[in-house]
Amino acid sequence: MAEHADHPAYPVGLRLSGRRVVVVGGGQVAQRRLPALIAAGADITLVSPSATPSVEAMADAGEIRWERRRYADGDLADTWYALVASDDAAANDAASAEAERTRTWCVRSDNADAATAWTPATGRSEGVTVAVLSTDAQGRDPRHSAAVRDAIVEGLREGTLAAPHHRSRPVPGVSLVGGGPGDPDLITVRGRRLLAEADVVIADRLGPRDLLDELPPHVEVIDAAKIPYGRFMAQEAINQALIEHAKAGKAVVRLKGGDPFVFGRGMEEAQALAAEGIPCTVVPGISSSISVPGAAGIPVTHRGVAHEFTVVSGHVAPDDERSLVDWAALARLRGTLVLLMAVDKIGAIAQALIGHGKSPDTPVALVQEGTTAAQRRVDATLATVAERAAAEEVRPPAVIVIGDVVAVGADTLPNPAE
């Protein structure tokens, strides 16, 4: 109200579980605000003659009750909280007036000064809700509030912001964290937070190395490739290192490239930890099988071109008795084939695919060090890929994409490394 406009808002958290909430208007504002009200357990009634498809889906799912009509006086009876967000100014004024009479806290999307409550910019991280309101009644700027909120939430999630005397002690155990394809910005928020809380980080060569520079000096960083094998094989030695550090009461992060369960041997490590009774958390990562082609302008699927994509490990040649891949079946597929760890076997793989009927003219792209500043793309066909890879000195890590999708985005998206 105008007579209260010069005073700052009093911040408070509303416990709306099981309590009646009325939303007037089913447009974009309601679409943004309803999920949080639903998550709060509110008993929600939507009053609106129409709604966006997303809001309608909430009604169809039984998350809200939808009365398909315009607002009428009395709709706010027995209501604890109201959100007035219709495109009918007269209805908004009437609903706001009823809220004032019935002492119902009311937010208005069209006129904040006429409201009795404001919606803060909110964010959540590990059980903490951050709510930011501008205190300047003459210059409220939702974008500034959102920017402050984002900075606080990011700090909480990354572990760079915490109350110094109340920083929670990480629980001992192991987190298998997928670091993504290489760009440090492509790790998940949870993965980055667990890194910030770690006592020990055992990292793969293909993990996002730049993230290791951000770790506090007390964190022990171990290169998995340099763990001495002794009486163990390489993977067994890594498993043993995870177990030993966890049993010593340390919070351990096993940082992997891509996703832990996509050719990352993550399940082997999880099984070894489970056998020792050690808690294990799996944090999925963005797989290079999808993200690296995308970064190079290649969609792994595209309407009218490819309706499926298949991801294959190429570390074993097609004629190797250890191979588990049905190369004949792959050659018959019309979709996209994505090869990981296949640079040194690409010649043999191309020959096998052609031998099983794949066209020699099938487009191929090799994307080396995808998503990083050193990313580069080499194009070829199945018939020429071995020669091109050798001539261009393509080295691991590289993702190889085979199929017509290689040509789809050639003139649409620039190579970010150029």
Protein backbone atom coordinates (compact mmCIF):
# COMPACT_ATOMS: atom_id res chain seq x y z
CA MET A 1 0.00 0.00 0.00
CA ALA A 2 1.19 3.54 -0.71
CA GLU A 3 1.33 4.58 2.93
CA HIS A 4 3.73 1.73 3.71
CA ALA A 5 5.92 2.04 0.62
CA ASP A 6 8.81 3.80 2.35
CA HIS A 7 9.44 0.96 4.80
CA PRO A 8 11.46 -2.17 4.01
CA ALA A 9 9.74 -5.54 3.89
CA TYR A 10 9.88 -7.84 6.89
CA PRO A 11 11.35 -11.18 5.76
CA VAL A 12 9.62 -14.34 6.93
CA GLY A 13 9.29 -17.95 5.87
CA LEU A 14 5.73 -19.18 5.28
CA ARG A 15 4.85 -22.76 6.24
CA LEU A 16 2.09 -23.47 3.74
CA SER A 17 1.83 -27.24 3.98
CA GLY A 18 -1.85 -28.20 3.93
CA ARG A 19 -2.94 -24.56 3.98
CA ARG A 20 -5.15 -22.95 1.37
CA VAL A 21 -3.37 -20.87 -1.28
CA VAL A 22 -5.20 -19.14 -4.14
CA VAL A 23 -3.54 -18.22 -7.42
CA VAL A 24 -5.42 -15.81 -9.68
CA GLY A 25 -4.27 -16.13 -13.29
CA GLY A 26 -2.75 -19.09 -15.10
CA GLY A 27 -0.09 -17.42 -17.23
CA GLN A 28 3.69 -17.30 -17.17
CA VAL A 29 3.94 -15.87 -13.64
CA ALA A 30 1.81 -18.68 -12.24
CA GLN A 31 3.84 -21.19 -14.23
CA ARG A 32 7.04 -19.96 -12.55
CA ARG A 33 5.62 -19.69 -9.02
CA LEU A 34 3.42 -22.78 -8.77
CA PRO A 35 6.20 -25.42 -8.57
CA ALA A 36 7.59 -23.90 -5.35
CA LEU A 37 4.10 -23.69 -3.84
CA ILE A 38 3.48 -27.30 -4.78
CA ALA A 39 6.83 -28.32 -3.27
CA ALA A 40 5.82 -26.50 -0.07
CA GLY A 41 2.78 -28.77 0.20
CA ALA A 42 0.24 -25.97 -0.18
CA ASP A 43 -3.43 -26.73 -0.89
CA ILE A 44 -3.60 -24.73 -4.13
CA THR A 45 -6.63 -23.44 -6.00
CA LEU A 46 -6.07 -21.78 -9.37
CA VAL A 47 -8.74 -19.34 -10.50
CA SER A 48 -8.36 -18.53 -14.19
CA PRO A 49 -10.35 -19.02 -17.39
CA SER A 50 -7.21 -20.23 -19.17
CA ALA A 51 -3.73 -21.52 -18.38
CA THR A 52 -0.43 -22.29 -20.06
CA PRO A 53 0.11 -25.93 -21.09
CA SER A 54 2.52 -26.41 -18.17
CA VAL A 55 0.02 -25.09 -15.63
CA GLU A 56 -2.71 -27.21 -17.20
CA ALA A 57 -0.45 -30.25 -16.79
CA MET A 58 -0.16 -29.50 -13.06
CA ALA A 59 -3.94 -29.50 -12.81
CA ASP A 60 -4.22 -32.72 -14.83
CA ALA A 61 -1.71 -34.34 -12.47
CA GLY A 62 -3.79 -33.35 -9.45
CA GLU A 63 -1.13 -31.05 -8.04
CA ILE A 64 -3.53 -28.08 -8.06
CA ARG A 65 -7.29 -27.55 -8.35
CA TRP A 66 -8.27 -25.43 -11.33
CA GLU A 67 -11.50 -23.43 -11.39
CA ARG A 68 -11.81 -22.36 -15.01
CA ARG A 69 -13.41 -18.98 -14.56
CA ARG A 70 -12.57 -15.38 -13.74
CA TYR A 71 -11.95 -14.18 -10.21
CA ALA A 72 -15.05 -13.47 -8.10
CA ASP A 73 -15.32 -11.73 -4.75
CA GLY A 74 -15.10 -14.29 -1.98
CA ASP A 75 -12.50 -16.49 -3.70
CA LEU A 76 -9.96 -15.66 -1.01
CA ALA A 77 -12.12 -16.85 1.88
CA ASP A 78 -10.10 -18.91 4.40
CA THR A 79 -6.96 -18.32 2.35
CA TRP A 80 -3.54 -17.98 3.97
CA TYR A 81 -1.64 -16.69 0.94
CA ALA A 82 -2.63 -15.36 -2.47
CA LEU A 83 -0.76 -14.81 -5.69
CA VAL A 84 -2.54 -12.38 -8.01
CA ALA A 85 -1.10 -12.63 -11.50
CA SER A 86 -3.85 -12.36 -14.10
CA ASP A 87 -3.87 -10.09 -17.16
CA ASP A 88 -7.13 -8.47 -15.98
CA ALA A 89 -6.20 -5.29 -14.08
CA ALA A 90 -9.69 -4.88 -12.62
CA ALA A 91 -9.70 -8.47 -11.33
CA ASN A 92 -6.26 -7.96 -9.83
CA ASP A 93 -7.42 -4.81 -8.04
CA ALA A 94 -10.52 -6.59 -6.70
CA ALA A 95 -8.55 -9.62 -5.50
CA SER A 96 -5.97 -7.37 -3.87
CA ALA A 97 -8.74 -5.43 -2.12
CA GLU A 98 -10.29 -8.66 -0.83
CA ALA A 99 -6.90 -9.78 0.47
CA GLU A 100 -6.58 -6.49 2.35
CA ARG A 101 -10.04 -6.94 3.92
CA THR A 102 -9.47 -10.57 4.88
CA ARG A 103 -5.90 -9.96 6.07
CA THR A 104 -4.49 -12.42 3.55
CA TRP A 105 -0.88 -11.94 2.54
CA CYS A 106 -1.03 -11.18 -1.16
CA VAL A 107 1.61 -10.91 -3.89
CA ARG A 108 0.80 -8.98 -7.07
CA SER A 109 2.78 -9.46 -10.22
CA ASP A 110 1.50 -6.30 -11.91
CA ASN A 111 1.82 -3.81 -9.04
CA ALA A 112 4.22 -4.58 -6.21
CA ASP A 113 3.34 -1.37 -4.37
CA ALA A 114 -0.29 -2.48 -4.10
CA ALA A 115 0.68 -5.85 -2.63
CA THR A 116 0.98 -6.85 1.00
CA ALA A 117 3.85 -9.24 0.29
CA TRP A 118 6.72 -9.55 -2.16
CA THR A 119 8.23 -12.69 -3.61
CA PRO A 120 11.98 -12.81 -3.00
CA ALA A 121 14.53 -14.19 -5.41
CA THR A 122 15.10 -17.66 -3.97
CA GLY A 123 17.58 -20.49 -4.40
CA ARG A 124 18.38 -23.69 -2.55
CA SER A 125 21.52 -25.57 -1.65
CA GLU A 126 21.85 -28.56 0.68
CA GLY A 127 18.92 -27.82 2.95
CA VAL A 128 19.39 -24.04 2.95
CA THR A 129 16.95 -21.69 1.23
CA VAL A 130 18.38 -18.31 0.23
CA ALA A 131 15.83 -15.52 -0.21
CA VAL A 132 16.88 -12.04 -1.34
CA LEU A 133 14.69 -8.91 -1.19
CA SER A 134 15.72 -5.42 -2.18
CA THR A 135 15.51 -3.04 0.78
CA ASP A 136 15.30 0.10 -1.36
CA ALA A 137 11.59 0.76 -1.78
CA GLN A 138 12.25 3.41 -4.43
CA GLY A 139 14.54 1.28 -6.54
CA ARG A 140 13.57 -2.37 -6.30
CA ASP A 141 15.42 -4.27 -8.98
CA PRO A 142 14.49 -7.96 -9.32
CA ARG A 143 17.52 -8.56 -11.52
CA HIS A 144 19.85 -7.29 -8.80
CA SER A 145 18.14 -9.50 -6.21
CA ALA A 146 18.48 -12.49 -8.53
CA ALA A 147 22.17 -11.75 -9.10
CA VAL A 148 22.84 -11.56 -5.35
CA ARG A 149 20.92 -14.80 -4.84
CA ASP A 150 22.88 -16.56 -7.57
CA ALA A 151 26.20 -15.44 -6.08
CA ILE A 152 25.25 -16.75 -2.63
CA VAL A 153 23.87 -20.06 -3.87
CA GLU A 154 26.88 -20.65 -6.09
CA GLY A 155 29.19 -20.00 -3.16
CA LEU A 156 27.27 -22.45 -0.97
CA ARG A 157 27.22 -25.12 -3.64
CA GLU A 158 30.91 -24.80 -4.43
CA GLY A 159 31.89 -24.62 -0.78
CA THR A 160 33.52 -21.20 -1.17
CA LEU A 161 30.93 -19.57 1.08
CA ALA A 162 30.07 -20.90 4.52
CA ALA A 163 29.75 -19.70 8.09
CA PRO A 164 33.35 -20.06 9.36
CA HIS A 165 32.37 -21.54 12.72
CA HIS A 166 29.60 -23.74 11.38
CA ARG A 167 31.11 -25.35 8.30
CA SER A 168 29.77 -28.88 8.20
CA ARG A 169 32.33 -31.64 8.37
CA PRO A 170 32.15 -33.84 5.27
CA VAL A 171 31.03 -37.38 6.03
CA PRO A 172 33.81 -39.94 5.46
CA GLY A 173 33.28 -42.10 2.42
CA VAL A 174 33.83 -41.98 -1.32
CA SER A 175 32.07 -39.96 -3.99
CA LEU A 176 32.43 -41.16 -7.57
CA VAL A 177 32.17 -37.85 -9.42
CA GLY A 178 31.78 -37.50 -13.15
CA GLY A 179 33.82 -34.47 -14.12
CA GLY A 180 32.36 -34.05 -17.59
CA PRO A 181 34.17 -33.90 -20.93
CA GLY A 182 36.98 -31.52 -19.98
CA ASP A 183 35.67 -27.97 -19.67
CA PRO A 184 35.67 -27.29 -15.90
CA ASP A 185 32.37 -25.41 -16.21
CA LEU A 186 30.65 -28.62 -17.33
CA ILE A 187 30.95 -30.49 -14.04
CA THR A 188 27.69 -30.70 -12.10
CA VAL A 189 27.01 -28.34 -9.22
CA ARG A 190 26.98 -31.25 -6.78
CA GLY A 191 30.26 -32.58 -8.11
CA ARG A 192 31.94 -29.21 -7.67
CA ARG A 193 30.63 -28.90 -4.12
CA LEU A 194 31.90 -32.36 -3.16
CA LEU A 195 35.31 -31.45 -4.57
CA ALA A 196 35.38 -28.36 -2.36
CA GLU A 197 34.59 -30.53 0.70
CA ALA A 198 37.06 -33.32 -0.06
CA ASP A 199 40.08 -34.33 1.98
CA VAL A 200 41.48 -36.52 -0.78
CA VAL A 201 40.91 -36.40 -4.55
CA ILE A 202 41.97 -39.32 -6.72
CA ALA A 203 41.82 -38.00 -10.27
CA ASP A 204 41.91 -39.56 -13.71
CA ARG A 205 44.01 -38.11 -16.50
CA LEU A 206 40.84 -37.25 -18.41
CA GLY A 207 39.18 -35.45 -15.51
CA PRO A 208 38.83 -31.64 -15.66
CA ARG A 209 42.33 -30.73 -14.48
CA ASP A 210 41.60 -27.03 -14.02
CA LEU A 211 39.32 -27.85 -11.11
CA LEU A 212 42.23 -29.27 -9.16
CA ASP A 213 43.86 -25.82 -9.03
CA GLU A 214 40.84 -24.52 -7.10
CA LEU A 215 41.21 -26.99 -4.25
CA PRO A 216 42.36 -25.77 -0.82
CA PRO A 217 46.04 -26.48 -0.06
CA HIS A 218 45.24 -29.13 2.57
CA VAL A 219 43.54 -31.41 0.01
CA GLU A 220 45.66 -34.36 -1.06
CA VAL A 221 45.47 -34.81 -4.83
CA ILE A 222 46.49 -38.21 -6.18
CA ASP A 223 47.03 -38.96 -9.87
CA ALA A 224 45.33 -42.32 -10.42
CA ALA A 225 47.76 -43.13 -13.23
CA LYS A 226 50.68 -42.86 -10.81
CA ILE A 227 49.36 -45.05 -7.99
CA PRO A 228 51.97 -47.77 -7.53
CA TYR A 229 50.55 -51.17 -8.51
CA GLY A 230 52.70 -53.41 -6.32
CA ARG A 231 50.85 -56.70 -6.02
CA PHE A 232 47.70 -55.09 -7.45
CA MET A 233 46.68 -54.52 -11.05
CA ALA A 234 46.03 -50.90 -11.98
CA GLN A 235 42.29 -50.86 -11.21
CA GLU A 236 42.74 -52.95 -8.06
CA ALA A 237 45.37 -50.47 -6.86
CA ILE A 238 42.95 -47.58 -7.36
CA ASN A 239 40.24 -49.50 -5.49
CA GLN A 240 42.64 -50.15 -2.63
CA ALA A 241 43.64 -46.48 -2.45
CA LEU A 242 39.97 -45.45 -2.23
CA ILE A 243 39.37 -47.98 0.54
CA GLU A 244 42.45 -47.03 2.57
CA HIS A 245 41.75 -43.29 2.53
CA ALA A 246 38.07 -43.77 3.34
CA LYS A 247 38.87 -46.10 6.23
CA ALA A 248 41.23 -43.42 7.54
CA GLY A 249 38.16 -41.21 8.02
CA LYS A 250 38.73 -39.07 4.95
CA ALA A 251 36.14 -37.63 2.57
CA VAL A 252 37.35 -38.99 -0.76
CA VAL A 253 36.38 -37.87 -4.26
CA ARG A 254 37.17 -40.13 -7.18
CA LEU A 255 37.19 -37.61 -10.02
CA LYS A 256 36.59 -39.15 -13.42
CA GLY A 257 36.22 -37.78 -16.91
CA GLY A 258 32.74 -37.88 -18.42
CA ASP A 259 30.34 -40.06 -16.44
CA PRO A 260 31.55 -42.68 -13.92
CA PHE A 261 29.41 -45.41 -15.46
CA VAL A 262 30.16 -44.76 -19.14
CA PHE A 263 33.36 -46.72 -19.74
CA GLY A 264 34.63 -45.30 -16.47
CA ARG A 265 34.78 -48.52 -14.45
CA GLY A 266 32.78 -46.76 -11.80
CA MET A 267 30.73 -49.82 -10.91
CA GLU A 268 33.89 -51.82 -10.23
CA GLU A 269 34.93 -49.19 -7.71
CA ALA A 270 31.46 -48.99 -6.20
CA GLN A 271 31.40 -52.78 -5.77
CA ALA A 272 34.84 -52.78 -4.13
CA LEU A 273 33.72 -50.09 -1.68
CA ALA A 274 30.45 -51.89 -0.92
CA ALA A 275 32.38 -55.06 -0.13
CA GLU A 276 34.26 -53.10 2.53
CA GLY A 277 31.13 -51.45 3.90
CA ILE A 278 32.26 -47.98 2.79
CA PRO A 279 29.55 -45.43 1.90
CA CYS A 280 29.63 -44.52 -1.78
CA THR A 281 27.87 -41.68 -3.57
CA VAL A 282 27.63 -41.64 -7.36
CA VAL A 283 27.45 -38.21 -9.00
CA PRO A 284 26.64 -38.54 -12.71
CA GLY A 285 28.61 -36.47 -15.18
CA ILE A 286 28.06 -35.15 -18.69
CA SER A 287 29.27 -37.90 -21.00
CA SER A 288 31.73 -36.97 -23.72
CA SER A 289 29.77 -39.25 -26.06
CA ILE A 290 27.08 -36.56 -26.33
CA SER A 291 28.72 -33.34 -25.22
CA VAL A 292 31.84 -33.45 -27.37
CA PRO A 293 29.98 -33.95 -30.65
CA GLY A 294 27.60 -31.18 -29.57
CA ALA A 295 30.49 -28.82 -28.84
CA ALA A 296 31.79 -29.49 -32.34
CA GLY A 297 28.42 -28.71 -33.91
CA ILE A 298 27.31 -32.32 -34.38
CA PRO A 299 23.93 -33.46 -33.05
CA VAL A 300 23.97 -37.19 -32.29
CA THR A 301 20.31 -37.30 -33.39
CA HIS A 302 18.45 -35.12 -35.86
CA ARG A 303 14.95 -35.26 -37.23
CA GLY A 304 14.85 -37.05 -40.55
CA VAL A 305 18.51 -38.06 -40.30
CA ALA A 306 19.10 -40.23 -37.22
CA HIS A 307 16.59 -41.66 -34.77
CA GLU A 308 19.13 -43.42 -32.60
CA PHE A 309 22.74 -43.25 -31.55
CA THR A 310 24.99 -46.01 -30.26
CA VAL A 311 28.02 -45.49 -28.05
CA VAL A 312 30.82 -48.04 -28.41
CA SER A 313 34.17 -48.48 -26.77
CA GLY A 314 36.82 -48.84 -29.43
CA HIS A 315 39.72 -49.84 -27.20
CA VAL A 316 39.53 -53.43 -28.51
CA ALA A 317 39.88 -54.09 -32.25
CA PRO A 318 36.99 -55.80 -34.09
CA ASP A 319 39.06 -58.94 -34.77
CA ASP A 320 40.23 -59.24 -31.15
CA GLU A 321 38.74 -62.28 -29.41
CA ARG A 322 38.05 -60.09 -26.35
CA SER A 323 35.68 -57.84 -28.31
CA LEU A 324 32.06 -57.88 -27.12
CA VAL A 325 30.80 -55.67 -29.97
CA ASP A 326 28.59 -56.96 -32.79
CA TRP A 327 30.16 -54.92 -35.58
CA ALA A 328 27.96 -56.53 -38.22
CA ALA A 329 24.85 -55.32 -36.40
CA LEU A 330 26.32 -51.84 -35.99
CA ALA A 331 27.04 -51.65 -39.72
CA ARG A 332 23.35 -52.25 -40.44
CA LEU A 333 22.14 -49.40 -38.19
CA ARG A 334 21.02 -46.22 -39.93
CA GLY A 335 21.65 -43.95 -36.97
CA THR A 336 24.76 -42.43 -35.41
CA LEU A 337 27.74 -44.38 -34.12
CA VAL A 338 29.87 -42.71 -31.44
CA LEU A 339 33.24 -44.25 -30.67
CA LEU A 340 35.24 -43.59 -27.52
CA MET A 341 38.85 -44.64 -26.96
CA ALA A 342 39.12 -45.64 -30.62
CA VAL A 343 41.78 -43.40 -32.17
CA ASP A 344 44.40 -46.10 -32.61
CA LYS A 345 41.82 -48.68 -33.77
CA ILE A 346 39.84 -46.48 -36.16
CA GLY A 347 41.39 -48.01 -39.27
CA ALA A 348 40.42 -51.53 -38.27
CA ILE A 349 36.99 -50.37 -37.16
CA ALA A 350 36.33 -48.57 -40.45
CA GLN A 351 37.39 -51.67 -42.41
CA ALA A 352 35.09 -53.87 -40.31
CA LEU A 353 32.10 -51.57 -40.82
CA ILE A 354 32.70 -51.34 -44.57
CA GLY A 355 33.20 -55.09 -44.72
CA HIS A 356 29.81 -55.59 -43.11
CA GLY A 357 28.08 -53.34 -45.63
CA LYS A 358 28.46 -49.78 -44.33
CA SER A 359 28.98 -47.29 -47.16
CA PRO A 360 32.61 -46.14 -47.52
CA ASP A 361 31.24 -42.63 -48.09
CA THR A 362 29.66 -42.45 -44.64
CA PRO A 363 30.76 -39.15 -43.02
CA VAL A 364 33.11 -39.32 -40.04
CA ALA A 365 34.31 -36.63 -37.64
CA LEU A 366 37.11 -36.91 -35.12
CA VAL A 367 36.87 -34.38 -32.30
CA GLN A 368 40.04 -34.13 -30.23
CA GLU A 369 40.04 -32.65 -26.71
CA GLY A 370 36.43 -31.62 -27.06
CA THR A 371 35.02 -28.70 -25.01
CA THR A 372 38.52 -27.48 -24.12
CA ALA A 373 40.52 -24.60 -25.58
CA ALA A 374 42.52 -27.16 -27.58
CA GLN A 375 39.46 -28.67 -29.29
CA ARG A 376 39.82 -29.47 -32.96
CA ARG A 377 37.72 -31.35 -35.49
CA VAL A 378 38.92 -33.48 -38.40
CA ASP A 379 36.39 -34.60 -41.01
CA ALA A 380 36.66 -37.68 -43.21
CA THR A 381 34.69 -40.65 -44.51
CA LEU A 382 34.88 -44.29 -43.49
CA ALA A 383 37.11 -44.88 -46.51
CA THR A 384 39.56 -42.09 -45.62
CA VAL A 385 39.38 -41.82 -41.83
CA ALA A 386 42.46 -43.90 -41.05
CA GLU A 387 44.60 -41.90 -43.47
CA ARG A 388 43.16 -38.57 -42.27
CA ALA A 389 43.67 -39.42 -38.61
CA ALA A 390 47.30 -40.27 -39.24
CA ALA A 391 47.96 -37.25 -41.47
CA GLU A 392 46.38 -34.86 -38.96
CA GLU A 393 48.09 -36.63 -36.03
CA VAL A 394 44.86 -37.03 -34.10
CA ARG A 395 45.63 -38.09 -30.54
CA PRO A 396 43.52 -39.20 -27.58
CA PRO A 397 41.31 -38.09 -26.03
CA ALA A 398 39.10 -37.91 -29.10
CA VAL A 399 35.49 -38.78 -29.81
CA ILE A 400 34.72 -40.22 -33.23
CA VAL A 401 31.29 -39.73 -34.77
CA ILE A 402 30.14 -41.84 -37.72
CA GLY A 403 26.94 -41.07 -39.61
CA ASP A 404 25.04 -38.52 -41.64
CA VAL A 405 24.63 -36.22 -38.62
CA VAL A 406 28.27 -35.21 -39.11
CA ALA A 407 27.21 -33.00 -42.00
CA VAL A 408 24.05 -31.57 -40.42
CA GLY A 409 25.53 -28.67 -38.48
CA ALA A 410 28.60 -28.02 -40.57
CA ASP A 411 27.48 -24.53 -41.60
CA THR A 412 25.44 -23.74 -38.49
CA LEU A 413 27.63 -23.82 -35.39
CA PRO A 414 31.22 -22.55 -35.28
CA ASN A 415 33.98 -24.61 -33.77
CA PRO A 416 34.39 -23.01 -30.30
CA ALA A 417 38.12 -23.64 -30.39
CA GLU A 418 38.59 -21.50 -33.48
